[in-house]
């Protein structure tokens, strides 16, 4: 058994996700979002974000920016260029296929 809050408390650097669990080839990761992540795209995989603590935005090409607050969920569709941004450190859960590369591909 894992506790998401305990794992999140171990985060010391932004953009370095830790795996919380795995099911059917998908990872649940916890990550600190702080600042602006580079634009990237996952050609074949959707990526789901859940705002656990704080707030952050997901900018996407051809779609209005989504502002996530605690408890909000957003799915970025495969093939959509995007980037997360946080003005202050925030904690997110990310649900994605295990083979998904952090910077897209």
PDB file of N, CA and C in Angstrom:
ATOM      1  N   UNK A   1       0.840  -1.174   0.000  1.00  0.00           N
ATOM      2  CA  UNK A   1       0.000   0.000   0.000  1.00  0.00           C
ATOM      3  C   UNK A   1       0.889   1.243   0.000  1.00  0.00           C
ATOM      4  N   UNK A   2       0.487   2.245  -0.767  1.00  0.00           N
ATOM      5  CA  UNK A   2       1.214   3.506  -0.860  1.00  0.00           C
ATOM      6  C   UNK A   2       0.309   4.635  -0.364  1.00  0.00           C
ATOM      7  N   UNK A   3       0.900   5.688   0.168  1.00  0.00           N
ATOM      8  CA  UNK A   3       0.159   6.883   0.555  1.00  0.00           C
ATOM      9  C   UNK A   3       0.672   8.037  -0.294  1.00  0.00           C
ATOM     10  N   UNK A   4      -0.209   8.603  -1.110  1.00  0.00           N
ATOM     11  CA  UNK A   4       0.175   9.668  -2.037  1.00  0.00           C
ATOM     12  C   UNK A   4       0.765  10.859  -1.293  1.00  0.00           C
ATOM     13  N   UNK A   5       0.163  11.268  -0.185  1.00  0.00           N
ATOM     14  CA  UNK A   5       0.666  12.425   0.560  1.00  0.00           C
ATOM     15  C   UNK A   5       2.061  12.172   1.118  1.00  0.00           C
ATOM     16  N   UNK A   6       2.325  10.945   1.578  1.00  0.00           N
ATOM     17  CA  UNK A   6       3.667  10.613   2.081  1.00  0.00           C
ATOM     18  C   UNK A   6       4.699  10.682   0.954  1.00  0.00           C
ATOM     19  N   UNK A   7       4.332  10.172  -0.217  1.00  0.00           N
ATOM     20  CA  UNK A   7       5.252  10.212  -1.355  1.00  0.00           C
ATOM     21  C   UNK A   7       5.452  11.657  -1.808  1.00  0.00           C
ATOM     22  N   UNK A   8       4.381  12.436  -1.856  1.00  0.00           N
ATOM     23  CA  UNK A   8       4.484  13.848  -2.258  1.00  0.00           C
ATOM     24  C   UNK A   8       5.396  14.618  -1.310  1.00  0.00           C
ATOM     25  N   UNK A   9       5.372  14.287  -0.031  1.00  0.00           N
ATOM     26  CA  UNK A   9       6.210  14.972   0.954  1.00  0.00           C
ATOM     27  C   UNK A   9       7.696  14.705   0.715  1.00  0.00           C
ATOM     28  N   UNK A  10       8.024  13.652  -0.027  1.00  0.00           N
ATOM     29  CA  UNK A  10       9.431  13.338  -0.333  1.00  0.00           C
ATOM     30  C   UNK A  10       9.950  14.106  -1.546  1.00  0.00           C
ATOM     31  N   UNK A  11       9.064  14.753  -2.284  1.00  0.00           N
ATOM     32  CA  UNK A  11       9.498  15.504  -3.470  1.00  0.00           C
ATOM     33  C   UNK A  11      10.329  16.705  -3.046  1.00  0.00           C
ATOM     34  N   UNK A  12      11.499  16.856  -3.659  1.00  0.00           N
ATOM     35  CA  UNK A  12      12.363  17.994  -3.350  1.00  0.00           C
ATOM     36  C   UNK A  12      12.666  18.853  -4.572  1.00  0.00           C
ATOM     37  N   UNK A  13      12.404  18.315  -5.764  1.00  0.00           N
ATOM     38  CA  UNK A  13      12.686  19.045  -7.003  1.00  0.00           C
ATOM     39  C   UNK A  13      11.482  18.993  -7.921  1.00  0.00           C
ATOM     40  N   UNK A  14      11.217  20.085  -8.631  1.00  0.00           N
ATOM     41  CA  UNK A  14      10.130  20.044  -9.605  1.00  0.00           C
ATOM     42  C   UNK A  14      10.494  19.179 -10.807  1.00  0.00           C
ATOM     43  N   UNK A  15       9.459  18.677 -11.438  1.00  0.00           N
ATOM     44  CA  UNK A  15       9.559  17.951 -12.708  1.00  0.00           C
ATOM     45  C   UNK A  15      10.263  16.606 -12.597  1.00  0.00           C
ATOM     46  N   UNK A  16      10.362  16.050 -11.387  1.00  0.00           N
ATOM     47  CA  UNK A  16      10.969  14.732 -11.197  1.00  0.00           C
ATOM     48  C   UNK A  16       9.923  13.820 -10.550  1.00  0.00           C
ATOM     49  N   UNK A  17       9.017  13.241 -11.371  1.00  0.00           N
ATOM     50  CA  UNK A  17       7.913  12.456 -10.817  1.00  0.00           C
ATOM     51  C   UNK A  17       8.377  11.169 -10.143  1.00  0.00           C
ATOM     52  N   UNK A  18       7.607  10.769  -9.145  1.00  0.00           N
ATOM     53  CA  UNK A  18       7.805   9.492  -8.465  1.00  0.00           C
ATOM     54  C   UNK A  18       6.590   8.617  -8.761  1.00  0.00           C
ATOM     55  N   UNK A  19       6.824   7.348  -9.033  1.00  0.00           N
ATOM     56  CA  UNK A  19       5.731   6.420  -9.320  1.00  0.00           C
ATOM     57  C   UNK A  19       5.074   6.011  -8.012  1.00  0.00           C
ATOM     58  N   UNK A  20       3.750   6.171  -7.958  1.00  0.00           N
ATOM     59  CA  UNK A  20       2.961   5.778  -6.791  1.00  0.00           C
ATOM     60  C   UNK A  20       2.489   4.340  -6.950  1.00  0.00           C
ATOM     61  N   UNK A  21       2.068   3.986  -8.165  1.00  0.00           N
ATOM     62  CA  UNK A  21       1.580   2.632  -8.407  1.00  0.00           C
ATOM     63  C   UNK A  21       1.465   2.359  -9.893  1.00  0.00           C
ATOM     64  N   UNK A  22       1.217   1.087 -10.222  1.00  0.00           N
ATOM     65  CA  UNK A  22       1.088   0.665 -11.609  1.00  0.00           C
ATOM     66  C   UNK A  22      -0.090  -0.282 -11.722  1.00  0.00           C
ATOM     67  N   UNK A  23      -0.853  -0.148 -12.802  1.00  0.00           N
ATOM     68  CA  UNK A  23      -1.964  -1.057 -13.074  1.00  0.00           C
ATOM     69  C   UNK A  23      -2.146  -1.170 -14.583  1.00  0.00           C
ATOM     70  N   UNK A  24      -2.142  -2.391 -15.084  1.00  0.00           N
ATOM     71  CA  UNK A  24      -2.420  -2.661 -16.495  1.00  0.00           C
ATOM     72  C   UNK A  24      -1.582  -1.817 -17.454  1.00  0.00           C
ATOM     73  N   UNK A  25      -0.322  -1.617 -17.126  1.00  0.00           N
ATOM     74  CA  UNK A  25       0.575  -0.877 -18.000  1.00  0.00           C
ATOM     75  C   UNK A  25       0.475   0.630 -17.877  1.00  0.00           C
ATOM     76  N   UNK A  26      -0.225   1.118 -16.856  1.00  0.00           N
ATOM     77  CA  UNK A  26      -0.334   2.550 -16.595  1.00  0.00           C
ATOM     78  C   UNK A  26       0.346   2.878 -15.276  1.00  0.00           C
ATOM     79  N   UNK A  27       0.976   4.045 -15.211  1.00  0.00           N
ATOM     80  CA  UNK A  27       1.577   4.543 -13.978  1.00  0.00           C
ATOM     81  C   UNK A  27       0.720   5.653 -13.391  1.00  0.00           C
ATOM     82  N   UNK A  28       0.659   5.683 -12.093  1.00  0.00           N
ATOM     83  CA  UNK A  28       0.174   6.832 -11.350  1.00  0.00           C
ATOM     84  C   UNK A  28       1.420   7.451 -10.732  1.00  0.00           C
ATOM     85  N   UNK A  29       1.693   8.719 -11.094  1.00  0.00           N
ATOM     86  CA  UNK A  29       2.892   9.403 -10.624  1.00  0.00           C
ATOM     87  C   UNK A  29       2.492  10.637  -9.832  1.00  0.00           C
ATOM     88  N   UNK A  30       3.345  11.028  -8.900  1.00  0.00           N
ATOM     89  CA  UNK A  30       3.169  12.288  -8.195  1.00  0.00           C
ATOM     90  C   UNK A  30       4.360  13.168  -8.554  1.00  0.00           C
ATOM     91  N   UNK A  31       4.084  14.448  -8.823  1.00  0.00           N
ATOM     92  CA  UNK A  31       5.138  15.345  -9.283  1.00  0.00           C
ATOM     93  C   UNK A  31       4.920  16.747  -8.727  1.00  0.00           C
ATOM     94  N   UNK A  32       6.019  17.432  -8.455  1.00  0.00           N
ATOM     95  CA  UNK A  32       5.960  18.845  -8.089  1.00  0.00           C
ATOM     96  C   UNK A  32       6.044  19.653  -9.382  1.00  0.00           C
ATOM     97  N   UNK A  33       5.104  20.567  -9.553  1.00  0.00           N
ATOM     98  CA  UNK A  33       5.094  21.464 -10.706  1.00  0.00           C
ATOM     99  C   UNK A  33       5.476  22.842 -10.209  1.00  0.00           C
ATOM    100  N   UNK A  34       6.526  23.416 -10.772  1.00  0.00           N
ATOM    101  CA  UNK A  34       6.990  24.738 -10.352  1.00  0.00           C
ATOM    102  C   UNK A  34       7.687  25.396 -11.532  1.00  0.00           C
ATOM    103  N   UNK A  35       7.182  26.524 -11.957  1.00  0.00           N
ATOM    104  CA  UNK A  35       7.743  27.189 -13.126  1.00  0.00           C
ATOM    105  C   UNK A  35       7.054  26.691 -14.386  1.00  0.00           C
ATOM    106  N   UNK A  36       7.792  26.718 -15.493  1.00  0.00           N
ATOM    107  CA  UNK A  36       7.236  26.362 -16.799  1.00  0.00           C
ATOM    108  C   UNK A  36       7.978  25.160 -17.376  1.00  0.00           C
ATOM    109  N   UNK A  37       7.231  24.121 -17.692  1.00  0.00           N
ATOM    110  CA  UNK A  37       7.792  22.938 -18.328  1.00  0.00           C
ATOM    111  C   UNK A  37       7.856  23.193 -19.836  1.00  0.00           C
ATOM    112  N   UNK A  38       8.805  22.608 -20.560  1.00  0.00           N
ATOM    113  CA  UNK A  38       8.895  22.839 -22.005  1.00  0.00           C
ATOM    114  C   UNK A  38       7.663  22.317 -22.756  1.00  0.00           C
ATOM    115  N   UNK A  39       7.340  22.992 -23.853  1.00  0.00           N
ATOM    116  CA  UNK A  39       6.302  22.491 -24.747  1.00  0.00           C
ATOM    117  C   UNK A  39       6.693  21.091 -25.203  1.00  0.00           C
ATOM    118  N   UNK A  40       5.724  20.173 -25.253  1.00  0.00           N
ATOM    119  CA  UNK A  40       5.992  18.818 -25.728  1.00  0.00           C
ATOM    120  C   UNK A  40       4.679  18.170 -26.162  1.00  0.00           C
ATOM    121  N   UNK A  41       4.789  17.008 -26.800  1.00  0.00           N
ATOM    122  CA  UNK A  41       3.606  16.278 -27.269  1.00  0.00           C
ATOM    123  C   UNK A  41       3.851  14.786 -27.093  1.00  0.00           C
ATOM    124  N   UNK A  42       2.810  14.069 -26.712  1.00  0.00           N
ATOM    125  CA  UNK A  42       2.828  12.605 -26.657  1.00  0.00           C
ATOM    126  C   UNK A  42       1.972  12.144 -27.835  1.00  0.00           C
ATOM    127  N   UNK A  43       2.603  11.605 -28.850  1.00  0.00           N
ATOM    128  CA  UNK A  43       1.911  11.300 -30.102  1.00  0.00           C
ATOM    129  C   UNK A  43       0.827  10.234 -29.953  1.00  0.00           C
ATOM    130  N   UNK A  44       1.047   9.233 -29.095  1.00  0.00           N
ATOM    131  CA  UNK A  44       0.115   8.101 -29.019  1.00  0.00           C
ATOM    132  C   UNK A  44      -0.539   7.929 -27.657  1.00  0.00           C
ATOM    133  N   UNK A  45      -0.226   8.788 -26.703  1.00  0.00           N
ATOM    134  CA  UNK A  45      -0.748   8.582 -25.360  1.00  0.00           C
ATOM    135  C   UNK A  45      -1.452   9.823 -24.827  1.00  0.00           C
ATOM    136  N   UNK A  46      -2.631   9.629 -24.226  1.00  0.00           N
ATOM    137  CA  UNK A  46      -3.262  10.689 -23.455  1.00  0.00           C
ATOM    138  C   UNK A  46      -2.494  10.838 -22.154  1.00  0.00           C
ATOM    139  N   UNK A  47      -2.643  11.993 -21.514  1.00  0.00           N
ATOM    140  CA  UNK A  47      -2.005  12.237 -20.219  1.00  0.00           C
ATOM    141  C   UNK A  47      -3.037  12.926 -19.322  1.00  0.00           C
ATOM    142  N   UNK A  48      -3.285  12.348 -18.149  1.00  0.00           N
ATOM    143  CA  UNK A  48      -4.276  12.888 -17.233  1.00  0.00           C
ATOM    144  C   UNK A  48      -3.578  13.531 -16.037  1.00  0.00           C
ATOM    145  N   UNK A  49      -3.993  14.763 -15.715  1.00  0.00           N
ATOM    146  CA  UNK A  49      -3.458  15.513 -14.576  1.00  0.00           C
ATOM    147  C   UNK A  49      -4.547  15.675 -13.519  1.00  0.00           C
ATOM    148  N   UNK A  50      -4.186  15.456 -12.260  1.00  0.00           N
ATOM    149  CA  UNK A  50      -5.067  15.701 -11.121  1.00  0.00           C
ATOM    150  C   UNK A  50      -4.332  16.652 -10.185  1.00  0.00           C
ATOM    151  N   UNK A  51      -4.923  17.792  -9.871  1.00  0.00           N
ATOM    152  CA  UNK A  51      -4.293  18.758  -8.973  1.00  0.00           C
ATOM    153  C   UNK A  51      -4.530  18.330  -7.526  1.00  0.00           C
ATOM    154  N   UNK A  52      -3.465  17.933  -6.857  1.00  0.00           N
ATOM    155  CA  UNK A  52      -3.551  17.458  -5.475  1.00  0.00           C
ATOM    156  C   UNK A  52      -3.387  18.608  -4.483  1.00  0.00           C
ATOM    157  N   UNK A  53      -2.401  19.482  -4.735  1.00  0.00           N
ATOM    158  CA  UNK A  53      -2.125  20.611  -3.838  1.00  0.00           C
ATOM    159  C   UNK A  53      -1.773  21.836  -4.665  1.00  0.00           C
ATOM    160  N   UNK A  54      -2.266  22.998  -4.241  1.00  0.00           N
ATOM    161  CA  UNK A  54      -1.934  24.237  -4.925  1.00  0.00           C
ATOM    162  C   UNK A  54      -2.753  24.418  -6.186  1.00  0.00           C
ATOM    163  N   UNK A  55      -2.143  25.056  -7.180  1.00  0.00           N
ATOM    164  CA  UNK A  55      -2.820  25.280  -8.461  1.00  0.00           C
ATOM    165  C   UNK A  55      -1.765  25.382  -9.560  1.00  0.00           C
ATOM    166  N   UNK A  56      -2.184  25.058 -10.773  1.00  0.00           N
ATOM    167  CA  UNK A  56      -1.303  25.177 -11.932  1.00  0.00           C
ATOM    168  C   UNK A  56      -2.160  25.276 -13.185  1.00  0.00           C
ATOM    169  N   UNK A  57      -1.508  25.585 -14.290  1.00  0.00           N
ATOM    170  CA  UNK A  57      -2.181  25.709 -15.579  1.00  0.00           C
ATOM    171  C   UNK A  57      -1.592  24.699 -16.560  1.00  0.00           C
ATOM    172  N   UNK A  58      -2.433  24.308 -17.501  1.00  0.00           N
ATOM    173  CA  UNK A  58      -1.958  23.512 -18.629  1.00  0.00           C
ATOM    174  C   UNK A  58      -2.267  24.318 -19.880  1.00  0.00           C
ATOM    175  N   UNK A  59      -1.215  24.767 -20.571  1.00  0.00           N
ATOM    176  CA  UNK A  59      -1.388  25.433 -21.852  1.00  0.00           C
ATOM    177  C   UNK A  59      -1.365  24.359 -22.927  1.00  0.00           C
ATOM    178  N   UNK A  60      -2.290  24.483 -23.907  1.00  0.00           N
ATOM    179  CA  UNK A  60      -2.377  23.542 -25.018  1.00  0.00           C
ATOM    180  C   UNK A  60      -2.554  24.330 -26.310  1.00  0.00           C
ATOM    181  N   UNK A  61      -1.928  23.849 -27.356  1.00  0.00           N
ATOM    182  CA  UNK A  61      -2.156  24.480 -28.654  1.00  0.00           C
ATOM    183  C   UNK A  61      -3.590  24.258 -29.086  1.00  0.00           C
ATOM    184  N   UNK A  62      -4.197  25.284 -29.665  1.00  0.00           N
ATOM    185  CA  UNK A  62      -5.533  25.239 -30.241  1.00  0.00           C
ATOM    186  C   UNK A  62      -6.648  25.033 -29.211  1.00  0.00           C
ATOM    187  N   UNK A  63      -6.319  25.184 -27.928  1.00  0.00           N
ATOM    188  CA  UNK A  63      -7.307  25.004 -26.858  1.00  0.00           C
ATOM    189  C   UNK A  63      -7.044  26.046 -25.785  1.00  0.00           C
ATOM    190  N   UNK A  64      -8.086  26.610 -25.172  1.00  0.00           N
ATOM    191  CA  UNK A  64      -7.849  27.577 -24.100  1.00  0.00           C
ATOM    192  C   UNK A  64      -7.047  26.958 -22.945  1.00  0.00           C
ATOM    193  N   UNK A  65      -6.258  27.779 -22.294  1.00  0.00           N
ATOM    194  CA  UNK A  65      -5.493  27.339 -21.127  1.00  0.00           C
ATOM    195  C   UNK A  65      -6.445  26.872 -20.036  1.00  0.00           C
ATOM    196  N   UNK A  66      -6.116  25.755 -19.409  1.00  0.00           N
ATOM    197  CA  UNK A  66      -6.923  25.214 -18.312  1.00  0.00           C
ATOM    198  C   UNK A  66      -6.231  25.531 -16.989  1.00  0.00           C
ATOM    199  N   UNK A  67      -6.951  26.154 -16.069  1.00  0.00           N
ATOM    200  CA  UNK A  67      -6.438  26.462 -14.731  1.00  0.00           C
ATOM    201  C   UNK A  67      -6.984  25.419 -13.765  1.00  0.00           C
ATOM    202  N   UNK A  68      -6.091  24.629 -13.178  1.00  0.00           N
ATOM    203  CA  UNK A  68      -6.499  23.578 -12.258  1.00  0.00           C
ATOM    204  C   UNK A  68      -6.286  24.013 -10.811  1.00  0.00           C
ATOM    205  N   UNK A  69      -7.296  23.774 -10.008  1.00  0.00           N
ATOM    206  CA  UNK A  69      -7.241  23.994  -8.562  1.00  0.00           C
ATOM    207  C   UNK A  69      -7.310  22.615  -7.902  1.00  0.00           C
ATOM    208  N   UNK A  70      -7.084  22.564  -6.597  1.00  0.00           N
ATOM    209  CA  UNK A  70      -7.112  21.286  -5.886  1.00  0.00           C
ATOM    210  C   UNK A  70      -8.393  20.522  -6.189  1.00  0.00           C
ATOM    211  N   UNK A  71      -8.229  19.262  -6.592  1.00  0.00           N
ATOM    212  CA  UNK A  71      -9.356  18.398  -6.907  1.00  0.00           C
ATOM    213  C   UNK A  71      -9.729  18.360  -8.371  1.00  0.00           C
ATOM    214  N   UNK A  72      -9.180  19.267  -9.195  1.00  0.00           N
ATOM    215  CA  UNK A  72      -9.510  19.312 -10.621  1.00  0.00           C
ATOM    216  C   UNK A  72      -8.714  18.269 -11.413  1.00  0.00           C
ATOM    217  N   UNK A  73      -9.345  17.772 -12.478  1.00  0.00           N
ATOM    218  CA  UNK A  73      -8.737  16.780 -13.368  1.00  0.00           C
ATOM    219  C   UNK A  73      -8.817  17.291 -14.800  1.00  0.00           C
ATOM    220  N   UNK A  74      -7.744  17.075 -15.568  1.00  0.00           N
ATOM    221  CA  UNK A  74      -7.710  17.437 -16.979  1.00  0.00           C
ATOM    222  C   UNK A  74      -6.987  16.341 -17.746  1.00  0.00           C
ATOM    223  N   UNK A  75      -7.555  15.941 -18.877  1.00  0.00           N
ATOM    224  CA  UNK A  75      -6.894  14.992 -19.765  1.00  0.00           C
ATOM    225  C   UNK A  75      -6.428  15.733 -21.004  1.00  0.00           C
ATOM    226  N   UNK A  76      -5.135  15.598 -21.309  1.00  0.00           N
ATOM    227  CA  UNK A  76      -4.566  16.137 -22.542  1.00  0.00           C
ATOM    228  C   UNK A  76      -4.576  14.994 -23.553  1.00  0.00           C
ATOM    229  N   UNK A  77      -5.252  15.214 -24.659  1.00  0.00           N
ATOM    230  CA  UNK A  77      -5.396  14.176 -25.674  1.00  0.00           C
ATOM    231  C   UNK A  77      -4.072  13.914 -26.397  1.00  0.00           C
ATOM    232  N   UNK A  78      -3.869  12.680 -26.801  1.00  0.00           N
ATOM    233  CA  UNK A  78      -2.690  12.304 -27.586  1.00  0.00           C
ATOM    234  C   UNK A  78      -2.570  13.221 -28.795  1.00  0.00           C
ATOM    235  N   UNK A  79      -1.335  13.605 -29.106  1.00  0.00           N
ATOM    236  CA  UNK A  79      -1.070  14.442 -30.262  1.00  0.00           C
ATOM    237  C   UNK A  79      -1.221  15.936 -30.020  1.00  0.00           C
ATOM    238  N   UNK A  80      -1.602  16.334 -28.812  1.00  0.00           N
ATOM    239  CA  UNK A  80      -1.792  17.759 -28.518  1.00  0.00           C
ATOM    240  C   UNK A  80      -0.553  18.310 -27.808  1.00  0.00           C
ATOM    241  N   UNK A  81       0.066  19.315 -28.387  1.00  0.00           N
ATOM    242  CA  UNK A  81       1.228  19.980 -27.792  1.00  0.00           C
ATOM    243  C   UNK A  81       0.764  20.748 -26.552  1.00  0.00           C
ATOM    244  N   UNK A  82       1.509  20.601 -25.448  1.00  0.00           N
ATOM    245  CA  UNK A  82       1.079  21.200 -24.183  1.00  0.00           C
ATOM    246  C   UNK A  82       2.271  21.439 -23.259  1.00  0.00           C
ATOM    247  N   UNK A  83       1.991  22.193 -22.184  1.00  0.00           N
ATOM    248  CA  UNK A  83       2.997  22.391 -21.141  1.00  0.00           C
ATOM    249  C   UNK A  83       2.298  22.816 -19.849  1.00  0.00           C
ATOM    250  N   UNK A  84       2.719  22.238 -18.717  1.00  0.00           N
ATOM    251  CA  UNK A  84       2.212  22.687 -17.423  1.00  0.00           C
ATOM    252  C   UNK A  84       3.023  23.877 -16.917  1.00  0.00           C
ATOM    253  N   UNK A  85       2.344  24.751 -16.183  1.00  0.00           N
ATOM    254  CA  UNK A  85       2.965  25.952 -15.622  1.00  0.00           C
ATOM    255  C   UNK A  85       2.404  26.175 -14.215  1.00  0.00           C
ATOM    256  N   UNK A  86       3.288  26.486 -13.261  1.00  0.00           N
ATOM    257  CA  UNK A  86       2.848  26.843 -11.913  1.00  0.00           C
ATOM    258  C   UNK A  86       3.641  28.056 -11.442  1.00  0.00           C
ATOM    259  N   UNK A  87       2.932  29.072 -10.962  1.00  0.00           N
ATOM    260  CA  UNK A  87       3.591  30.272 -10.445  1.00  0.00           C
ATOM    261  C   UNK A  87       4.209  30.026  -9.075  1.00  0.00           C
ATOM    262  N   UNK A  88       3.646  29.085  -8.334  1.00  0.00           N
ATOM    263  CA  UNK A  88       4.174  28.638  -7.044  1.00  0.00           C
ATOM    264  C   UNK A  88       4.138  27.116  -7.057  1.00  0.00           C
ATOM    265  N   UNK A  89       4.979  26.458  -6.256  1.00  0.00           N
ATOM    266  CA  UNK A  89       4.997  24.992  -6.282  1.00  0.00           C
ATOM    267  C   UNK A  89       3.611  24.390  -6.041  1.00  0.00           C
ATOM    268  N   UNK A  90       3.279  23.413  -6.857  1.00  0.00           N
ATOM    269  CA  UNK A  90       2.026  22.670  -6.740  1.00  0.00           C
ATOM    270  C   UNK A  90       2.354  21.185  -6.860  1.00  0.00           C
ATOM    271  N   UNK A  91       1.433  20.346  -6.405  1.00  0.00           N
ATOM    272  CA  UNK A  91       1.616  18.898  -6.492  1.00  0.00           C
ATOM    273  C   UNK A  91       0.498  18.326  -7.363  1.00  0.00           C
ATOM    274  N   UNK A  92       0.890  17.496  -8.323  1.00  0.00           N
ATOM    275  CA  UNK A  92      -0.075  16.876  -9.226  1.00  0.00           C
ATOM    276  C   UNK A  92       0.121  15.368  -9.251  1.00  0.00           C
ATOM    277  N   UNK A  93      -0.964  14.678  -9.521  1.00  0.00           N
ATOM    278  CA  UNK A  93      -0.905  13.269  -9.868  1.00  0.00           C
ATOM    279  C   UNK A  93      -1.040  13.194 -11.380  1.00  0.00           C
ATOM    280  N   UNK A  94      -0.246  12.332 -11.989  1.00  0.00           N
ATOM    281  CA  UNK A  94      -0.295  12.137 -13.437  1.00  0.00           C
ATOM    282  C   UNK A  94      -0.575  10.663 -13.688  1.00  0.00           C
ATOM    283  N   UNK A  95      -1.537  10.402 -14.553  1.00  0.00           N
ATOM    284  CA  UNK A  95      -1.889   9.036 -14.929  1.00  0.00           C
ATOM    285  C   UNK A  95      -1.592   8.887 -16.408  1.00  0.00           C
ATOM    286  N   UNK A  96      -0.666   7.964 -16.733  1.00  0.00           N
ATOM    287  CA  UNK A  96      -0.252   7.798 -18.122  1.00  0.00           C
ATOM    288  C   UNK A  96       0.307   6.403 -18.334  1.00  0.00           C
ATOM    289  N   UNK A  97       0.408   6.003 -19.602  1.00  0.00           N
ATOM    290  CA  UNK A  97       0.996   4.714 -19.923  1.00  0.00           C
ATOM    291  C   UNK A  97       2.440   4.673 -19.433  1.00  0.00           C
ATOM    292  N   UNK A  98       2.878   3.504 -19.011  1.00  0.00           N
ATOM    293  CA  UNK A  98       4.224   3.350 -18.467  1.00  0.00           C
ATOM    294  C   UNK A  98       5.297   3.781 -19.462  1.00  0.00           C
ATOM    295  N   UNK A  99       5.061   3.579 -20.758  1.00  0.00           N
ATOM    296  CA  UNK A  99       6.083   3.914 -21.758  1.00  0.00           C
ATOM    297  C   UNK A  99       6.105   5.379 -22.153  1.00  0.00           C
ATOM    298  N   UNK A 100       5.198   6.191 -21.607  1.00  0.00           N
ATOM    299  CA  UNK A 100       5.150   7.610 -21.955  1.00  0.00           C
ATOM    300  C   UNK A 100       6.436   8.299 -21.518  1.00  0.00           C
ATOM    301  N   UNK A 101       7.059   9.005 -22.452  1.00  0.00           N
ATOM    302  CA  UNK A 101       8.270   9.760 -22.142  1.00  0.00           C
ATOM    303  C   UNK A 101       7.881  11.116 -21.581  1.00  0.00           C
ATOM    304  N   UNK A 102       8.615  11.587 -20.591  1.00  0.00           N
ATOM    305  CA  UNK A 102       8.270  12.842 -19.916  1.00  0.00           C
ATOM    306  C   UNK A 102       8.243  14.026 -20.874  1.00  0.00           C
ATOM    307  N   UNK A 103       9.152  14.075 -21.822  1.00  0.00           N
ATOM    308  CA  UNK A 103       9.209  15.207 -22.753  1.00  0.00           C
ATOM    309  C   UNK A 103       8.519  14.905 -24.073  1.00  0.00           C
ATOM    310  N   UNK A 104       7.654  13.914 -24.094  1.00  0.00           N
ATOM    311  CA  UNK A 104       6.928  13.600 -25.313  1.00  0.00           C
ATOM    312  C   UNK A 104       7.714  12.667 -26.213  1.00  0.00           C
ATOM    313  N   UNK A 105       7.230  12.517 -27.408  1.00  0.00           N
ATOM    314  CA  UNK A 105       7.912  11.650 -28.350  1.00  0.00           C
ATOM    315  C   UNK A 105       6.950  10.858 -29.175  1.00  0.00           C
TER     316      UNK A 105
END
